[in-house]
Structures are given as C-alpha cells and as structure tokens.
N, C-alpha and C. Protein backbone atom coordinates (compact mmCIF):
# COMPACT_ATOMS: atom_id res chain seq x y z
N UNK A 1 12.27 26.93 -24.14
CA UNK A 1 12.55 25.90 -23.34
C UNK A 1 11.23 25.62 -23.52
N UNK A 2 10.72 23.69 -23.65
CA UNK A 2 9.39 23.07 -23.42
C UNK A 2 9.00 23.15 -22.00
N UNK A 3 7.67 23.56 -22.14
CA UNK A 3 7.07 23.48 -20.83
C UNK A 3 6.52 21.29 -20.70
N UNK A 4 7.24 20.95 -19.32
CA UNK A 4 6.72 19.79 -19.10
C UNK A 4 5.58 19.68 -18.66
N UNK A 5 4.67 18.52 -19.27
CA UNK A 5 2.82 18.54 -19.17
C UNK A 5 2.51 17.41 -18.00
N UNK A 6 1.72 18.39 -17.52
CA UNK A 6 0.61 18.18 -16.60
C UNK A 6 0.71 16.45 -16.32
N UNK A 7 0.67 15.57 -14.87
CA UNK A 7 0.47 13.73 -15.21
C UNK A 7 -0.76 13.83 -13.98
N UNK A 8 -1.39 13.55 -15.25
CA UNK A 8 -3.43 13.88 -15.41
C UNK A 8 -3.29 12.06 -14.40
N UNK A 9 -2.58 11.35 -14.27
CA UNK A 9 -2.84 10.33 -13.22
C UNK A 9 -2.31 10.65 -11.96
N UNK A 10 -1.74 11.65 -11.57
CA UNK A 10 -1.61 12.07 -9.65
C UNK A 10 -2.67 12.14 -9.90
N UNK A 11 -2.80 13.75 -10.60
CA UNK A 11 -3.92 14.72 -10.36
C UNK A 11 -5.13 13.87 -9.72
N UNK A 12 -5.76 13.18 -10.84
CA UNK A 12 -6.82 11.59 -10.91
C UNK A 12 -6.60 11.58 -9.17
N UNK A 13 -5.59 10.86 -8.80
CA UNK A 13 -5.36 10.49 -7.63
C UNK A 13 -5.19 11.14 -6.51
N UNK A 14 -4.82 12.21 -6.25
CA UNK A 14 -5.61 13.47 -5.77
C UNK A 14 -6.45 13.45 -5.27
N UNK A 15 -7.33 14.15 -6.28
CA UNK A 15 -8.40 14.82 -6.24
C UNK A 15 -9.17 13.21 -5.41
N UNK A 16 -9.20 12.02 -6.58
CA UNK A 16 -9.52 10.92 -5.81
C UNK A 16 -9.75 10.86 -4.22
N UNK A 17 -8.46 10.46 -3.89
CA UNK A 17 -8.04 11.09 -2.17
C UNK A 17 -8.89 12.03 -1.82
N UNK A 18 -9.09 12.98 -2.48
CA UNK A 18 -9.74 14.40 -0.92
C UNK A 18 -11.46 13.95 -1.65
N UNK A 19 -11.87 13.50 -3.02
CA UNK A 19 -12.66 13.20 -2.61
C UNK A 19 -13.55 12.18 -1.27
N UNK A 20 -12.58 11.31 -0.82
CA UNK A 20 -13.02 10.30 -0.14
C UNK A 20 -12.71 10.92 1.41
N UNK A 21 -12.67 11.98 1.30
CA UNK A 21 -12.43 12.66 2.93
C UNK A 21 -13.40 13.67 2.68
N UNK A 22 -14.91 13.63 1.61
CA UNK A 22 -15.95 14.04 1.88
C UNK A 22 -16.83 14.34 2.56
N UNK A 23 -16.96 12.94 2.68
CA UNK A 23 -17.90 12.28 4.34
C UNK A 23 -17.25 12.63 5.57
N UNK A 24 -15.76 12.74 5.51
CA UNK A 24 -15.46 12.58 7.19
C UNK A 24 -15.11 13.96 7.14
N UNK A 25 -15.66 15.10 6.62
CA UNK A 25 -15.49 16.63 6.96
C UNK A 25 -16.65 17.02 7.57
N UNK A 26 -18.03 16.24 7.02
CA UNK A 26 -19.38 16.82 7.90
C UNK A 26 -19.99 15.98 8.79
N UNK A 27 -19.20 14.27 8.56
CA UNK A 27 -19.93 13.41 9.87
C UNK A 27 -19.08 13.47 10.22
N UNK A 28 -18.02 14.19 11.00
CA UNK A 28 -16.76 14.44 12.23
C UNK A 28 -17.27 15.25 13.18
N UNK A 29 -17.34 16.67 12.53
CA UNK A 29 -18.12 17.78 13.28
C UNK A 29 -20.01 17.11 13.47
N UNK A 30 -20.32 17.21 12.94
CA UNK A 30 -22.28 16.61 13.13
C UNK A 30 -21.72 15.80 14.09
N UNK A 31 -21.13 14.14 14.19
CA UNK A 31 -21.05 13.25 15.89
C UNK A 31 -20.64 13.99 16.69
N UNK A 32 -19.83 15.17 16.51
CA UNK A 32 -19.04 15.87 17.25
C UNK A 32 -20.37 16.42 18.28
N UNK A 33 -21.40 17.64 17.87
CA UNK A 33 -22.13 17.71 17.86
C UNK A 33 -23.53 17.33 18.59
N UNK A 34 -23.75 16.19 17.80
CA UNK A 34 -24.74 15.08 17.81
C UNK A 34 -24.46 14.45 18.94
N UNK A 35 -23.57 13.53 19.51
CA UNK A 35 -23.69 12.13 20.53
C UNK A 35 -22.41 13.50 21.85
N UNK A 36 -21.20 13.59 21.00
CA UNK A 36 -19.86 13.85 21.35
C UNK A 36 -20.42 14.90 22.65
N UNK A 37 -20.79 15.39 23.61
CA UNK A 37 -20.90 16.05 24.35
C UNK A 37 -22.03 15.94 25.11
N UNK A 38 -23.34 15.22 24.73
CA UNK A 38 -23.93 14.69 26.02
C UNK A 38 -24.27 13.52 26.28
N UNK A 39 -22.63 12.50 24.84
CA UNK A 39 -23.57 11.21 24.97
C UNK A 39 -21.99 10.48 26.00
N UNK A 40 -21.73 9.42 25.61
CA UNK A 40 -20.66 8.49 26.26
C UNK A 40 -18.86 9.55 25.95
N UNK A 41 -18.02 9.19 26.34
CA UNK A 41 -17.28 9.85 26.04
C UNK A 41 -15.98 9.35 24.84
N UNK A 42 -16.86 8.54 23.76
CA UNK A 42 -15.81 7.51 22.24
C UNK A 42 -17.19 7.67 21.47
N UNK A 43 -18.15 8.59 21.58
CA UNK A 43 -18.86 8.88 20.86
C UNK A 43 -17.34 10.93 21.04
N UNK A 44 -16.75 11.36 21.68
CA UNK A 44 -16.06 12.14 21.14
C UNK A 44 -15.06 12.31 20.11
N UNK A 45 -14.14 10.64 21.24
CA UNK A 45 -13.34 10.34 20.48
C UNK A 45 -12.63 9.88 19.25
N UNK A 46 -14.34 9.17 18.22
CA UNK A 46 -14.11 8.85 17.13
C UNK A 46 -14.91 9.95 16.11
N UNK A 47 -15.60 10.89 16.84
CA UNK A 47 -15.84 12.68 15.90
C UNK A 47 -14.40 12.89 15.55
N UNK A 48 -13.38 13.17 16.67
CA UNK A 48 -12.00 14.03 16.61
C UNK A 48 -11.10 12.36 15.70
N UNK A 49 -11.27 11.87 15.56
CA UNK A 49 -10.65 10.54 14.82
C UNK A 49 -10.99 10.66 13.22
N UNK A 50 -12.66 10.75 13.44
CA UNK A 50 -13.38 11.34 11.98
C UNK A 50 -12.31 12.35 11.62
N UNK A 51 -12.36 13.24 12.30
CA UNK A 51 -11.64 14.91 11.90
C UNK A 51 -10.18 14.85 11.66
N UNK A 52 -9.71 13.28 11.93
CA UNK A 52 -8.29 14.29 11.69
C UNK A 52 -8.18 13.21 10.86
N UNK A 53 -8.82 11.86 10.07
CA UNK A 53 -9.39 11.58 9.55
C UNK A 53 -9.07 12.29 8.14
N UNK A 54 -10.18 12.84 8.05
CA UNK A 54 -10.78 14.17 7.16
C UNK A 54 -9.37 14.38 7.00
N UNK A 55 -8.48 15.36 7.27
CA UNK A 55 -7.49 15.89 7.47
C UNK A 55 -5.96 16.04 6.96
N UNK A 56 -6.05 14.32 7.66
CA UNK A 56 -4.79 13.48 6.44
C UNK A 56 -5.09 13.51 4.96
N UNK A 57 -6.22 13.58 5.12
CA UNK A 57 -7.48 12.64 3.24
C UNK A 57 -6.64 14.03 2.29
N UNK A 58 -7.46 15.02 2.73
CA UNK A 58 -7.15 15.94 2.45
C UNK A 58 -5.98 16.84 2.16
N UNK A 59 -4.80 16.30 3.26
CA UNK A 59 -3.74 17.05 2.67
C UNK A 59 -2.92 16.58 1.80
N UNK A 60 -2.83 14.65 1.82
CA UNK A 60 -2.02 13.77 1.29
C UNK A 60 -2.51 14.23 -0.29
N UNK A 61 -4.69 14.25 -0.37
CA UNK A 61 -5.24 14.61 -1.74
C UNK A 61 -3.70 16.44 -2.21
N UNK A 62 -3.88 16.71 -1.13
CA UNK A 62 -2.72 18.24 -2.24
C UNK A 62 -2.41 18.11 -2.54
N UNK A 63 -1.17 17.27 -1.98
CA UNK A 63 0.28 17.41 -1.71
C UNK A 63 0.73 16.16 -3.01
N UNK A 64 -0.32 15.65 -3.10
CA UNK A 64 -0.28 14.09 -5.05
C UNK A 64 -1.14 15.44 -6.08
N UNK A 65 -1.60 16.07 -6.17
CA UNK A 65 -2.46 16.76 -6.69
C UNK A 65 -0.83 17.80 -7.19
N UNK A 66 -0.85 18.49 -6.50
CA UNK A 66 0.11 19.88 -6.13
C UNK A 66 1.50 18.38 -6.79
N UNK A 67 2.07 18.24 -7.05
CA UNK A 67 2.94 16.86 -7.00
C UNK A 67 2.54 16.83 -8.86
N UNK A 68 0.70 16.43 -9.08
CA UNK A 68 0.65 16.25 -10.46
C UNK A 68 0.75 17.46 -11.76
N UNK A 69 1.11 18.22 -10.95
CA UNK A 69 0.72 20.06 -11.40
C UNK A 69 2.76 20.74 -12.14
N UNK A 70 3.14 19.69 -11.06
CA UNK A 70 5.05 20.65 -10.80
C UNK A 70 5.74 19.34 -10.49
N UNK A 71 5.62 18.53 -10.24
CA UNK A 71 6.32 17.19 -10.70
C UNK A 71 7.51 16.68 -9.51
N UNK A 72 7.88 15.99 -8.83
CA UNK A 72 8.80 15.88 -7.73
C UNK A 72 9.80 16.83 -7.20
N UNK A 73 9.96 17.20 -6.25
CA UNK A 73 10.48 17.85 -5.74
C UNK A 73 12.06 17.72 -5.99
N UNK A 74 13.19 18.56 -6.44
CA UNK A 74 14.25 18.27 -6.40
C UNK A 74 15.10 18.60 -5.71
C-alpha cells in the first residue's frame, strides 16, 4: 500500500499562520498586566482581543498543518 506524501505548501501556510500569532501571544498578556488592571477599560479589552486573536491563529494554523500531514477528512 503506497503512502501518501505530505502537502508541503499547506504545512508551510499553517506554520506561517502560527508564526503570525507569535507577537499576539506575548503582547496580549503583557498589555493586560501593564495597563489593563490600572488603566482605562479599553486596555483590558484590547489585551483580551489580542489574546483571542492569538488563540484563533494558532488553532487555525495547527489545523492547516495537520491537514497538510494527513489530508482532508473523508
């Protein structure tokens, strides 16, 4: 039984999407600790939005990487 090859383009796209999430992973919590607790309400809201954007980018990037390795679900 022949093995399927990985789709390298999809894997790279997923890794790039996870790379784009990297700044949000650190800036969201840093903003929350620095400004969110003592500053105006919008600093806390902005930090939560940044953290949610990081989670969304990481999850979608990981799904793309796994799709590149294993293919689409049937």
